[in-house]
Amino acid sequence: MKIYPHNFNPGSNSGPNKFTRQLFTHLLGSHDVRFTFDQKEADVEFCLIQQQAQKVKPILLRLDGIYFNSDQKYWEQNKPIKFAYDNADAVVFQSEFNKLLIEIWFGEHKNGHVIHNAADTHLIEKVSTDFCDKILPKGVEVWSCASSWRPHKRLNENIRYFLEFAPANAILAVAGKGAASERLNHRFNERIKFLGELDYVSLLSLYKRSTTFIHLAYLDHCPNVVVDAQAAGCKIICSATGGTSEIVNNGKIINEPIWNFAPIKLYEPPEMNFENMIEVTTEMSEDRKPSIEKCAKKYYDIIRSIA
């Protein structure tokens, strides 16, 4: 079966591209799937968020959320996504939150499916902590967080949570670009270590060295950093907003007011109340643990159904 990809950059480490790269690796390695860059030759077109050409064959659209920041021209930003959504023969949403949001804004899709992102557990098992052992102090507990930092990712809240709840000798390792103001504000705090942008294997090394991963982003969809950190053994601290809490089976979820799905000033997220938390501990058998292999099989079944 031949797949024609739209809007996929295999060299990018953005969340959507990184996940799709892992997904395609497993589709190509375990199923009767191969790529083609000739649309007419394809059996199915795979669109990551939006199309790059007119539809020729049946389309599977994998969505990563839509735009709803009232400080931006969200209606213009959403036009190409809505175009692909209306053209798609099947749609994969990352989370139940993602599905509800998009169907409220775009209407219900005739063939929609929720498939949470999943981790490459075999790769995680192979990664060592050597990278972190070289750059972080030895003999201390490590907490971590990672993102392409923008205001709604709430790095300041991550740091505040760490300072209030982490053991006194623990450190917080912050990975990702865009943390200039927080780096300046905490430049004299020896417990906060800013590592900058890391490659994927170095991130996995950081997760394996960490006991706790903090992700207090506001209205996130299904963050791959949380999926990978949890698969690496981290306890997760996250917000109840968005879809992140759907994938957490070991950690704490901080409750916040429910969003009504109307346009919102996304880059002005509310301050959090850390007293309003619930603890989540779910024992999962090996056959129920999410993995990229099981995730790829779900995608494959949908691809076959529309081919």
C-alpha atoms as a PDB file:
ATOM      1  CA  MET A   1       0.000   0.000   0.000  1.00  0.00           C
ATOM      2  CA  LYS A   2       1.420   3.354  -1.061  1.00  0.00           C
ATOM      3  CA  ILE A   3       1.078   6.541   1.001  1.00  0.00           C
ATOM      4  CA  TYR A   4       1.573  10.074  -0.262  1.00  0.00           C
ATOM      5  CA  PRO A   5       2.509  12.466   2.623  1.00  0.00           C
ATOM      6  CA  HIS A   6       1.400  16.101   2.911  1.00  0.00           C
ATOM      7  CA  ASN A   7       3.094  18.722   5.127  1.00  0.00           C
ATOM      8  CA  PHE A   8       5.552  16.293   6.738  1.00  0.00           C
ATOM      9  CA  ASN A   9       9.151  17.372   7.413  1.00  0.00           C
ATOM     10  CA  PRO A  10      11.163  14.308   8.523  1.00  0.00           C
ATOM     11  CA  GLY A  11      14.092  16.518   9.570  1.00  0.00           C
ATOM     12  CA  SER A  12      12.048  18.576  12.036  1.00  0.00           C
ATOM     13  CA  ASN A  13      11.916  17.841  15.773  1.00  0.00           C
ATOM     14  CA  SER A  14       8.617  19.663  16.298  1.00  0.00           C
ATOM     15  CA  GLY A  15       6.068  17.553  18.161  1.00  0.00           C
ATOM     16  CA  PRO A  16       3.887  16.749  15.109  1.00  0.00           C
ATOM     17  CA  ASN A  17       6.844  15.931  12.848  1.00  0.00           C
ATOM     18  CA  LYS A  18       8.691  13.913  15.484  1.00  0.00           C
ATOM     19  CA  PHE A  19       5.618  11.799  16.197  1.00  0.00           C
ATOM     20  CA  THR A  20       4.842  11.322  12.495  1.00  0.00           C
ATOM     21  CA  ARG A  21       8.454  10.281  11.832  1.00  0.00           C
ATOM     22  CA  GLN A  22       8.149   7.562  14.496  1.00  0.00           C
ATOM     23  CA  LEU A  23       4.724   6.546  13.188  1.00  0.00           C
ATOM     24  CA  PHE A  24       5.949   6.179   9.598  1.00  0.00           C
ATOM     25  CA  THR A  25       9.036   4.264  10.732  1.00  0.00           C
ATOM     26  CA  HIS A  26       6.807   1.647  12.309  1.00  0.00           C
ATOM     27  CA  LEU A  27       4.292   1.611   9.461  1.00  0.00           C
ATOM     28  CA  LEU A  28       7.106   1.045   6.961  1.00  0.00           C
ATOM     29  CA  GLY A  29       8.818  -1.552   9.140  1.00  0.00           C
ATOM     30  CA  SER A  30       5.835  -3.631  10.258  1.00  0.00           C
ATOM     31  CA  HIS A  31       3.131  -3.288   7.610  1.00  0.00           C
ATOM     32  CA  ASP A  32       2.757  -3.445   3.833  1.00  0.00           C
ATOM     33  CA  VAL A  33       3.302   0.300   3.517  1.00  0.00           C
ATOM     34  CA  ARG A  34       5.704   2.403   1.494  1.00  0.00           C
ATOM     35  CA  PHE A  35       5.956   6.062   0.512  1.00  0.00           C
ATOM     36  CA  THR A  36       5.395   7.557  -2.877  1.00  0.00           C
ATOM     37  CA  PHE A  37       5.781  11.133  -4.009  1.00  0.00           C
ATOM     38  CA  ASP A  38       3.489  10.573  -6.988  1.00  0.00           C
ATOM     39  CA  GLN A  39      -0.075  11.321  -5.867  1.00  0.00           C
ATOM     40  CA  LYS A  40      -1.615   9.380  -8.741  1.00  0.00           C
ATOM     41  CA  GLU A  41       0.343   6.293  -7.730  1.00  0.00           C
ATOM     42  CA  ALA A  42      -0.748   6.475  -4.072  1.00  0.00           C
ATOM     43  CA  ASP A  43      -3.501   4.456  -2.416  1.00  0.00           C
ATOM     44  CA  VAL A  44      -3.964   6.961   0.422  1.00  0.00           C
ATOM     45  CA  GLU A  45      -2.808  10.503   1.155  1.00  0.00           C
ATOM     46  CA  PHE A  46      -1.621  11.223   4.704  1.00  0.00           C
ATOM     47  CA  CYS A  47      -2.053  14.860   5.734  1.00  0.00           C
ATOM     48  CA  LEU A  48      -0.276  16.217   8.774  1.00  0.00           C
ATOM     49  CA  ILE A  49      -2.543  19.124   9.819  1.00  0.00           C
ATOM     50  CA  GLN A  50      -3.160  20.455   6.308  1.00  0.00           C
ATOM     51  CA  GLN A  51      -2.866  19.682   2.600  1.00  0.00           C
ATOM     52  CA  GLN A  52      -0.094  20.805   0.301  1.00  0.00           C
ATOM     53  CA  ALA A  53      -1.871  19.870  -2.917  1.00  0.00           C
ATOM     54  CA  GLN A  54      -5.356  19.161  -4.220  1.00  0.00           C
ATOM     55  CA  LYS A  55      -6.848  15.824  -3.208  1.00  0.00           C
ATOM     56  CA  VAL A  56      -6.334  12.936  -5.642  1.00  0.00           C
ATOM     57  CA  LYS A  57      -6.774   9.830  -3.456  1.00  0.00           C
ATOM     58  CA  PRO A  58      -8.548   9.185  -0.103  1.00  0.00           C
ATOM     59  CA  ILE A  59      -7.143  11.346   2.707  1.00  0.00           C
ATOM     60  CA  LEU A  60      -6.306  10.498   6.309  1.00  0.00           C
ATOM     61  CA  LEU A  61      -5.870  13.757   8.225  1.00  0.00           C
ATOM     62  CA  ARG A  62      -3.933  13.753  11.489  1.00  0.00           C
ATOM     63  CA  LEU A  63      -4.711  16.939  13.423  1.00  0.00           C
ATOM     64  CA  ASP A  64      -2.613  18.717  16.028  1.00  0.00           C
ATOM     65  CA  GLY A  65      -5.240  21.158  17.276  1.00  0.00           C
ATOM     66  CA  ILE A  66      -6.553  24.398  15.812  1.00  0.00           C
ATOM     67  CA  TYR A  67      -6.035  28.115  16.429  1.00  0.00           C
ATOM     68  CA  PHE A  68      -8.170  29.959  18.985  1.00  0.00           C
ATOM     69  CA  ASN A  69      -5.941  32.759  20.268  1.00  0.00           C
ATOM     70  CA  SER A  70      -8.123  35.888  20.119  1.00  0.00           C
ATOM     71  CA  ASP A  71      -4.993  38.065  19.779  1.00  0.00           C
ATOM     72  CA  GLN A  72      -4.262  36.433  16.420  1.00  0.00           C
ATOM     73  CA  LYS A  73      -6.211  36.102  13.148  1.00  0.00           C
ATOM     74  CA  TYR A  74      -7.323  32.614  14.155  1.00  0.00           C
ATOM     75  CA  TRP A  75     -10.040  32.435  11.477  1.00  0.00           C
ATOM     76  CA  GLU A  76      -7.415  32.909   8.772  1.00  0.00           C
ATOM     77  CA  GLN A  77      -5.011  30.481  10.442  1.00  0.00           C
ATOM     78  CA  ASN A  78      -7.746  27.833  10.594  1.00  0.00           C
ATOM     79  CA  LYS A  79      -8.822  28.082   6.939  1.00  0.00           C
ATOM     80  CA  PRO A  80      -6.298  25.575   5.513  1.00  0.00           C
ATOM     81  CA  ILE A  81      -6.973  23.173   8.401  1.00  0.00           C
ATOM     82  CA  LYS A  82     -10.741  23.401   7.834  1.00  0.00           C
ATOM     83  CA  PHE A  83     -10.197  22.814   4.100  1.00  0.00           C
ATOM     84  CA  ALA A  84      -8.276  19.598   4.827  1.00  0.00           C
ATOM     85  CA  TYR A  85     -10.843  18.575   7.453  1.00  0.00           C
ATOM     86  CA  ASP A  86     -13.707  18.879   4.979  1.00  0.00           C
ATOM     87  CA  ASN A  87     -11.735  16.940   2.332  1.00  0.00           C
ATOM     88  CA  ALA A  88     -10.618  14.128   4.641  1.00  0.00           C
ATOM     89  CA  ASP A  89     -12.069  10.626   4.405  1.00  0.00           C
ATOM     90  CA  ALA A  90     -10.902   9.948   7.980  1.00  0.00           C
ATOM     91  CA  VAL A  91      -9.570  12.170  10.754  1.00  0.00           C
ATOM     92  CA  VAL A  92      -7.369  11.263  13.717  1.00  0.00           C
ATOM     93  CA  PHE A  93      -7.657  13.479  16.788  1.00  0.00           C
ATOM     94  CA  GLN A  94      -4.906  13.348  19.424  1.00  0.00           C
ATOM     95  CA  SER A  95      -7.248  13.379  22.413  1.00  0.00           C
ATOM     96  CA  GLU A  96     -10.902  13.553  23.413  1.00  0.00           C
ATOM     97  CA  PHE A  97     -10.335  17.237  24.186  1.00  0.00           C
ATOM     98  CA  ASN A  98      -8.892  17.733  20.710  1.00  0.00           C
ATOM     99  CA  LYS A  99     -11.903  16.016  19.124  1.00  0.00           C
ATOM    100  CA  LEU A 100     -14.436  18.030  21.119  1.00  0.00           C
ATOM    101  CA  LEU A 101     -12.699  21.333  20.359  1.00  0.00           C
ATOM    102  CA  ILE A 102     -12.460  20.719  16.618  1.00  0.00           C
ATOM    103  CA  GLU A 103     -15.987  19.358  16.250  1.00  0.00           C
ATOM    104  CA  ILE A 104     -17.393  22.372  18.125  1.00  0.00           C
ATOM    105  CA  TRP A 105     -15.559  24.712  15.753  1.00  0.00           C
ATOM    106  CA  PHE A 106     -15.651  22.726  12.463  1.00  0.00           C
ATOM    107  CA  GLY A 107     -18.620  20.394  12.901  1.00  0.00           C
ATOM    108  CA  GLU A 108     -18.703  16.647  13.519  1.00  0.00           C
ATOM    109  CA  HIS A 109     -16.678  14.531  11.117  1.00  0.00           C
ATOM    110  CA  LYS A 110     -18.251  11.450   9.538  1.00  0.00           C
ATOM    111  CA  ASN A 111     -15.189   9.302  10.261  1.00  0.00           C
ATOM    112  CA  GLY A 112     -13.304  10.654  13.280  1.00  0.00           C
ATOM    113  CA  HIS A 113     -11.043   8.652  15.597  1.00  0.00           C
ATOM    114  CA  VAL A 114      -9.193   9.472  18.816  1.00  0.00           C
ATOM    115  CA  ILE A 115      -5.689   7.992  18.962  1.00  0.00           C
ATOM    116  CA  HIS A 116      -3.422   9.311  21.702  1.00  0.00           C
ATOM    117  CA  ASN A 117       0.218   9.877  20.843  1.00  0.00           C
ATOM    118  CA  ALA A 118       2.541   7.083  21.940  1.00  0.00           C
ATOM    119  CA  ALA A 119       6.215   6.590  22.745  1.00  0.00           C
ATOM    120  CA  ASP A 120       8.883   4.432  21.140  1.00  0.00           C
ATOM    121  CA  THR A 121       9.488   2.373  24.272  1.00  0.00           C
ATOM    122  CA  HIS A 122      12.223   0.253  22.658  1.00  0.00           C
ATOM    123  CA  LEU A 123      14.244   3.360  21.835  1.00  0.00           C
ATOM    124  CA  ILE A 124      13.732   4.744  25.348  1.00  0.00           C
ATOM    125  CA  GLU A 125      15.015   1.504  26.868  1.00  0.00           C
ATOM    126  CA  LYS A 126      18.228   1.785  24.822  1.00  0.00           C
ATOM    127  CA  VAL A 127      18.987   5.399  25.749  1.00  0.00           C
ATOM    128  CA  SER A 128      21.447   5.879  28.621  1.00  0.00           C
ATOM    129  CA  THR A 129      21.670   8.731  31.111  1.00  0.00           C
ATOM    130  CA  ASP A 130      25.298   9.441  30.140  1.00  0.00           C
ATOM    131  CA  PHE A 131      24.410  12.831  28.621  1.00  0.00           C
ATOM    132  CA  CYS A 132      22.790  14.060  31.827  1.00  0.00           C
ATOM    133  CA  ASP A 133      25.431  12.507  34.036  1.00  0.00           C
ATOM    134  CA  LYS A 134      27.986  14.747  32.330  1.00  0.00           C
ATOM    135  CA  ILE A 135      26.113  18.050  32.579  1.00  0.00           C
ATOM    136  CA  LEU A 136      24.036  17.742  35.783  1.00  0.00           C
ATOM    137  CA  PRO A 137      25.238  17.418  39.395  1.00  0.00           C
ATOM    138  CA  LYS A 138      25.613  13.890  40.671  1.00  0.00           C
ATOM    139  CA  GLY A 139      23.713  12.550  43.661  1.00  0.00           C
ATOM    140  CA  VAL A 140      20.744  14.953  43.427  1.00  0.00           C
ATOM    141  CA  GLU A 141      17.150  14.373  42.440  1.00  0.00           C
ATOM    142  CA  VAL A 142      16.325  15.789  39.002  1.00  0.00           C
ATOM    143  CA  TRP A 143      12.987  17.247  37.948  1.00  0.00           C
ATOM    144  CA  SER A 144      12.576  18.393  34.359  1.00  0.00           C
ATOM    145  CA  CYS A 145      10.391  20.166  31.830  1.00  0.00           C
ATOM    146  CA  ALA A 146      10.711  20.689  28.087  1.00  0.00           C
ATOM    147  CA  SER A 147       8.943  22.697  25.411  1.00  0.00           C
ATOM    148  CA  SER A 148       9.285  25.324  22.750  1.00  0.00           C
ATOM    149  CA  TRP A 149       8.573  27.954  25.371  1.00  0.00           C
ATOM    150  CA  ARG A 150       5.718  30.389  24.754  1.00  0.00           C
ATOM    151  CA  PRO A 151       3.500  32.108  27.340  1.00  0.00           C
ATOM    152  CA  HIS A 152       0.766  29.437  27.375  1.00  0.00           C
ATOM    153  CA  LYS A 153       3.349  26.745  28.165  1.00  0.00           C
ATOM    154  CA  ARG A 154       3.667  28.516  31.559  1.00  0.00           C
ATOM    155  CA  LEU A 155       7.329  27.893  32.340  1.00  0.00           C
ATOM    156  CA  ASN A 156       7.020  30.386  35.203  1.00  0.00           C
ATOM    157  CA  GLU A 157       4.362  28.145  36.782  1.00  0.00           C
ATOM    158  CA  ASN A 158       6.535  25.061  36.251  1.00  0.00           C
ATOM    159  CA  ILE A 159       9.340  26.778  38.160  1.00  0.00           C
ATOM    160  CA  ARG A 160       6.984  28.005  40.886  1.00  0.00           C
ATOM    161  CA  TYR A 161       5.592  24.493  41.370  1.00  0.00           C
ATOM    162  CA  PHE A 162       9.100  23.046  41.563  1.00  0.00           C
ATOM    163  CA  LEU A 163      10.250  25.593  44.144  1.00  0.00           C
ATOM    164  CA  GLU A 164       7.185  24.938  46.307  1.00  0.00           C
ATOM    165  CA  PHE A 165       7.006  21.138  46.145  1.00  0.00           C
ATOM    166  CA  ALA A 166      10.354  19.604  45.166  1.00  0.00           C
ATOM    167  CA  PRO A 167      12.810  18.347  47.795  1.00  0.00           C
ATOM    168  CA  ALA A 168      15.249  21.017  48.951  1.00  0.00           C
ATOM    169  CA  ASN A 169      18.229  19.323  47.274  1.00  0.00           C
ATOM    170  CA  ALA A 170      16.482  18.666  43.932  1.00  0.00           C
ATOM    171  CA  ILE A 171      17.228  20.587  40.736  1.00  0.00           C
ATOM    172  CA  LEU A 172      14.956  21.514  37.831  1.00  0.00           C
ATOM    173  CA  ALA A 173      16.392  20.992  34.331  1.00  0.00           C
ATOM    174  CA  VAL A 174      14.649  23.175  31.742  1.00  0.00           C
ATOM    175  CA  ALA A 175      15.043  22.106  28.100  1.00  0.00           C
ATOM    176  CA  GLY A 176      13.893  24.003  25.021  1.00  0.00           C
ATOM    177  CA  LYS A 177      14.294  27.331  23.288  1.00  0.00           C
ATOM    178  CA  GLY A 178      12.448  30.540  24.110  1.00  0.00           C
ATOM    179  CA  ALA A 179      13.080  30.712  27.886  1.00  0.00           C
ATOM    180  CA  ALA A 180      15.094  33.964  27.871  1.00  0.00           C
ATOM    181  CA  SER A 181      13.029  35.916  30.428  1.00  0.00           C
ATOM    182  CA  GLU A 182      12.836  32.993  32.876  1.00  0.00           C
ATOM    183  CA  ARG A 183      16.567  32.372  32.489  1.00  0.00           C
ATOM    184  CA  LEU A 184      17.198  36.025  33.354  1.00  0.00           C
ATOM    185  CA  ASN A 185      14.820  35.974  36.334  1.00  0.00           C
ATOM    186  CA  HIS A 186      16.419  32.840  37.821  1.00  0.00           C
ATOM    187  CA  ARG A 187      20.044  33.377  36.783  1.00  0.00           C
ATOM    188  CA  PHE A 188      21.232  33.321  40.413  1.00  0.00           C
ATOM    189  CA  ASN A 189      19.241  30.227  41.421  1.00  0.00           C
ATOM    190  CA  GLU A 190      21.575  27.227  41.415  1.00  0.00           C
ATOM    191  CA  ARG A 191      18.596  24.849  41.546  1.00  0.00           C
ATOM    192  CA  ILE A 192      17.316  25.876  38.085  1.00  0.00           C
ATOM    193  CA  LYS A 193      19.416  24.576  35.179  1.00  0.00           C
ATOM    194  CA  PHE A 194      18.616  25.890  31.683  1.00  0.00           C
ATOM    195  CA  LEU A 195      19.855  23.419  29.081  1.00  0.00           C
ATOM    196  CA  GLY A 196      18.606  25.098  25.898  1.00  0.00           C
ATOM    197  CA  GLU A 197      17.329  23.162  22.889  1.00  0.00           C
ATOM    198  CA  LEU A 198      18.296  19.468  22.994  1.00  0.00           C
ATOM    199  CA  ASP A 199      18.197  16.777  20.337  1.00  0.00           C
ATOM    200  CA  TYR A 200      15.654  13.999  20.823  1.00  0.00           C
ATOM    201  CA  VAL A 201      17.981  11.366  22.298  1.00  0.00           C
ATOM    202  CA  SER A 202      19.363  13.915  24.794  1.00  0.00           C
ATOM    203  CA  LEU A 203      15.791  14.722  25.833  1.00  0.00           C
ATOM    204  CA  LEU A 204      15.105  11.030  26.436  1.00  0.00           C
ATOM    205  CA  SER A 205      18.292  10.853  28.503  1.00  0.00           C
ATOM    206  CA  LEU A 206      17.018  13.766  30.590  1.00  0.00           C
ATOM    207  CA  TYR A 207      13.654  12.080  31.151  1.00  0.00           C
ATOM    208  CA  LYS A 208      15.341   8.865  32.256  1.00  0.00           C
ATOM    209  CA  ARG A 209      17.474  10.826  34.729  1.00  0.00           C
ATOM    210  CA  SER A 210      14.393  12.627  36.115  1.00  0.00           C
ATOM    211  CA  THR A 211      11.955  11.501  38.777  1.00  0.00           C
ATOM    212  CA  THR A 212       9.314  14.108  37.901  1.00  0.00           C
ATOM    213  CA  PHE A 213       8.295  15.923  34.721  1.00  0.00           C
ATOM    214  CA  ILE A 214       6.313  19.167  35.030  1.00  0.00           C
ATOM    215  CA  HIS A 215       4.032  20.259  32.201  1.00  0.00           C
ATOM    216  CA  LEU A 216       1.622  22.980  33.336  1.00  0.00           C
ATOM    217  CA  ALA A 217       0.825  24.210  29.817  1.00  0.00           C
ATOM    218  CA  TYR A 218      -2.597  25.783  29.378  1.00  0.00           C
ATOM    219  CA  LEU A 219      -5.003  24.019  26.970  1.00  0.00           C
ATOM    220  CA  ASP A 220      -2.430  21.665  25.453  1.00  0.00           C
ATOM    221  CA  HIS A 221      -3.685  18.844  23.236  1.00  0.00           C
ATOM    222  CA  CYS A 222      -1.582  15.676  23.714  1.00  0.00           C
ATOM    223  CA  PRO A 223       2.032  16.746  24.258  1.00  0.00           C
ATOM    224  CA  ASN A 224       4.666  14.309  23.042  1.00  0.00           C
ATOM    225  CA  VAL A 225       7.064  15.474  25.757  1.00  0.00           C
ATOM    226  CA  VAL A 226       4.636  14.158  28.393  1.00  0.00           C
ATOM    227  CA  VAL A 227       4.093  10.890  26.508  1.00  0.00           C
ATOM    228  CA  ASP A 228       7.859  10.302  26.296  1.00  0.00           C
ATOM    229  CA  ALA A 229       8.653  11.442  29.840  1.00  0.00           C
ATOM    230  CA  GLN A 230       6.016   9.163  31.327  1.00  0.00           C
ATOM    231  CA  ALA A 231       7.236   6.219  29.226  1.00  0.00           C
ATOM    232  CA  ALA A 232      10.750   6.949  30.547  1.00  0.00           C
ATOM    233  CA  GLY A 233       9.468   6.546  34.122  1.00  0.00           C
ATOM    234  CA  CYS A 234       8.690  10.100  35.203  1.00  0.00           C
ATOM    235  CA  LYS A 235       5.870  11.110  37.481  1.00  0.00           C
ATOM    236  CA  ILE A 236       3.870  13.790  35.633  1.00  0.00           C
ATOM    237  CA  ILE A 237       2.572  17.104  36.995  1.00  0.00           C
ATOM    238  CA  CYS A 238       0.070  18.681  34.606  1.00  0.00           C
ATOM    239  CA  SER A 239      -2.948  20.945  34.259  1.00  0.00           C
ATOM    240  CA  ALA A 240      -6.460  19.528  33.988  1.00  0.00           C
ATOM    241  CA  THR A 241      -7.104  21.841  31.020  1.00  0.00           C
ATOM    242  CA  GLY A 242      -6.817  20.446  27.518  1.00  0.00           C
ATOM    243  CA  GLY A 243      -5.994  16.825  26.743  1.00  0.00           C
ATOM    244  CA  THR A 244      -2.781  16.276  28.725  1.00  0.00           C
ATOM    245  CA  SER A 245      -4.525  14.733  31.727  1.00  0.00           C
ATOM    246  CA  GLU A 246      -6.035  12.033  29.481  1.00  0.00           C
ATOM    247  CA  ILE A 247      -2.628  10.390  29.037  1.00  0.00           C
ATOM    248  CA  VAL A 248      -1.344  10.660  32.627  1.00  0.00           C
ATOM    249  CA  ASN A 249      -1.388   7.454  34.674  1.00  0.00           C
ATOM    250  CA  ASN A 250       1.142   8.418  37.334  1.00  0.00           C
ATOM    251  CA  GLY A 251       1.262  11.929  38.717  1.00  0.00           C
ATOM    252  CA  LYS A 252      -0.749  14.918  39.861  1.00  0.00           C
ATOM    253  CA  ILE A 253      -3.373  16.874  37.936  1.00  0.00           C
ATOM    254  CA  ILE A 254      -4.052  20.473  38.941  1.00  0.00           C
ATOM    255  CA  ASN A 255      -7.672  21.484  38.476  1.00  0.00           C
ATOM    256  CA  GLU A 256      -8.545  24.769  36.780  1.00  0.00           C
ATOM    257  CA  PRO A 257     -11.755  26.483  35.630  1.00  0.00           C
ATOM    258  CA  ILE A 258     -13.365  24.792  32.618  1.00  0.00           C
ATOM    259  CA  TRP A 259     -12.878  26.553  29.279  1.00  0.00           C
ATOM    260  CA  ASN A 260     -16.010  27.188  27.181  1.00  0.00           C
ATOM    261  CA  PHE A 261     -14.214  26.685  23.815  1.00  0.00           C
ATOM    262  CA  ALA A 262     -14.645  30.350  22.809  1.00  0.00           C
ATOM    263  CA  PRO A 263     -11.659  32.337  21.455  1.00  0.00           C
ATOM    264  CA  ILE A 264      -9.347  33.250  24.314  1.00  0.00           C
ATOM    265  CA  LYS A 265      -6.185  35.259  24.981  1.00  0.00           C
ATOM    266  CA  LEU A 266      -4.040  32.129  24.951  1.00  0.00           C
ATOM    267  CA  TYR A 267      -0.827  34.004  25.743  1.00  0.00           C
ATOM    268  CA  GLU A 268      -2.360  35.403  28.935  1.00  0.00           C
ATOM    269  CA  PRO A 269      -3.041  32.140  30.809  1.00  0.00           C
ATOM    270  CA  PRO A 270      -4.386  32.277  34.369  1.00  0.00           C
ATOM    271  CA  GLU A 271      -2.215  31.784  37.432  1.00  0.00           C
ATOM    272  CA  MET A 272      -2.651  28.354  38.948  1.00  0.00           C
ATOM    273  CA  ASN A 273      -3.895  27.301  42.373  1.00  0.00           C
ATOM    274  CA  PHE A 274      -1.665  24.419  43.432  1.00  0.00           C
ATOM    275  CA  GLU A 275      -3.912  23.519  46.347  1.00  0.00           C
ATOM    276  CA  ASN A 276      -6.532  22.136  43.972  1.00  0.00           C
ATOM    277  CA  MET A 277      -4.796  18.904  42.924  1.00  0.00           C
ATOM    278  CA  ILE A 278      -5.741  15.270  42.467  1.00  0.00           C
ATOM    279  CA  GLU A 279      -3.286  12.377  42.493  1.00  0.00           C
ATOM    280  CA  VAL A 280      -3.389   9.752  39.754  1.00  0.00           C
ATOM    281  CA  THR A 281      -1.875   6.299  40.123  1.00  0.00           C
ATOM    282  CA  THR A 282      -3.003   3.669  37.641  1.00  0.00           C
ATOM    283  CA  GLU A 283      -1.361   0.292  37.478  1.00  0.00           C
ATOM    284  CA  MET A 284      -1.124  -0.745  33.820  1.00  0.00           C
ATOM    285  CA  SER A 285      -0.467  -4.249  32.565  1.00  0.00           C
ATOM    286  CA  GLU A 286       2.092  -4.634  29.779  1.00  0.00           C
ATOM    287  CA  ASP A 287      -0.594  -5.223  27.142  1.00  0.00           C
ATOM    288  CA  ARG A 288      -2.382  -1.973  28.086  1.00  0.00           C
ATOM    289  CA  LYS A 289       0.694   0.268  28.099  1.00  0.00           C
ATOM    290  CA  PRO A 290       0.677   2.632  25.117  1.00  0.00           C
ATOM    291  CA  SER A 291       3.407   2.069  22.539  1.00  0.00           C
ATOM    292  CA  ILE A 292       4.174   3.365  19.072  1.00  0.00           C
ATOM    293  CA  GLU A 293       3.639  -0.176  17.715  1.00  0.00           C
ATOM    294  CA  LYS A 294       0.044  -0.306  18.970  1.00  0.00           C
ATOM    295  CA  CYS A 295      -0.522   3.268  17.848  1.00  0.00           C
ATOM    296  CA  ALA A 296       0.789   2.503  14.349  1.00  0.00           C
ATOM    297  CA  LYS A 297      -1.530  -0.519  14.089  1.00  0.00           C
ATOM    298  CA  LYS A 298      -4.538   1.731  14.800  1.00  0.00           C
ATOM    299  CA  TYR A 299      -3.435   4.148  12.072  1.00  0.00           C
ATOM    300  CA  TYR A 300      -2.832   1.255   9.697  1.00  0.00           C
ATOM    301  CA  ASP A 301      -6.342  -0.115  10.213  1.00  0.00           C
ATOM    302  CA  ILE A 302      -7.847   3.297   9.401  1.00  0.00           C
ATOM    303  CA  ILE A 303      -5.630   3.663   6.307  1.00  0.00           C
ATOM    304  CA  ARG A 304      -6.742   0.248   5.078  1.00  0.00           C
ATOM    305  CA  SER A 305     -10.387   1.116   5.660  1.00  0.00           C
ATOM    306  CA  ILE A 306     -10.282   4.151   3.343  1.00  0.00           C
ATOM    307  CA  ALA A 307      -7.826   2.858   0.711  1.00  0.00           C
END
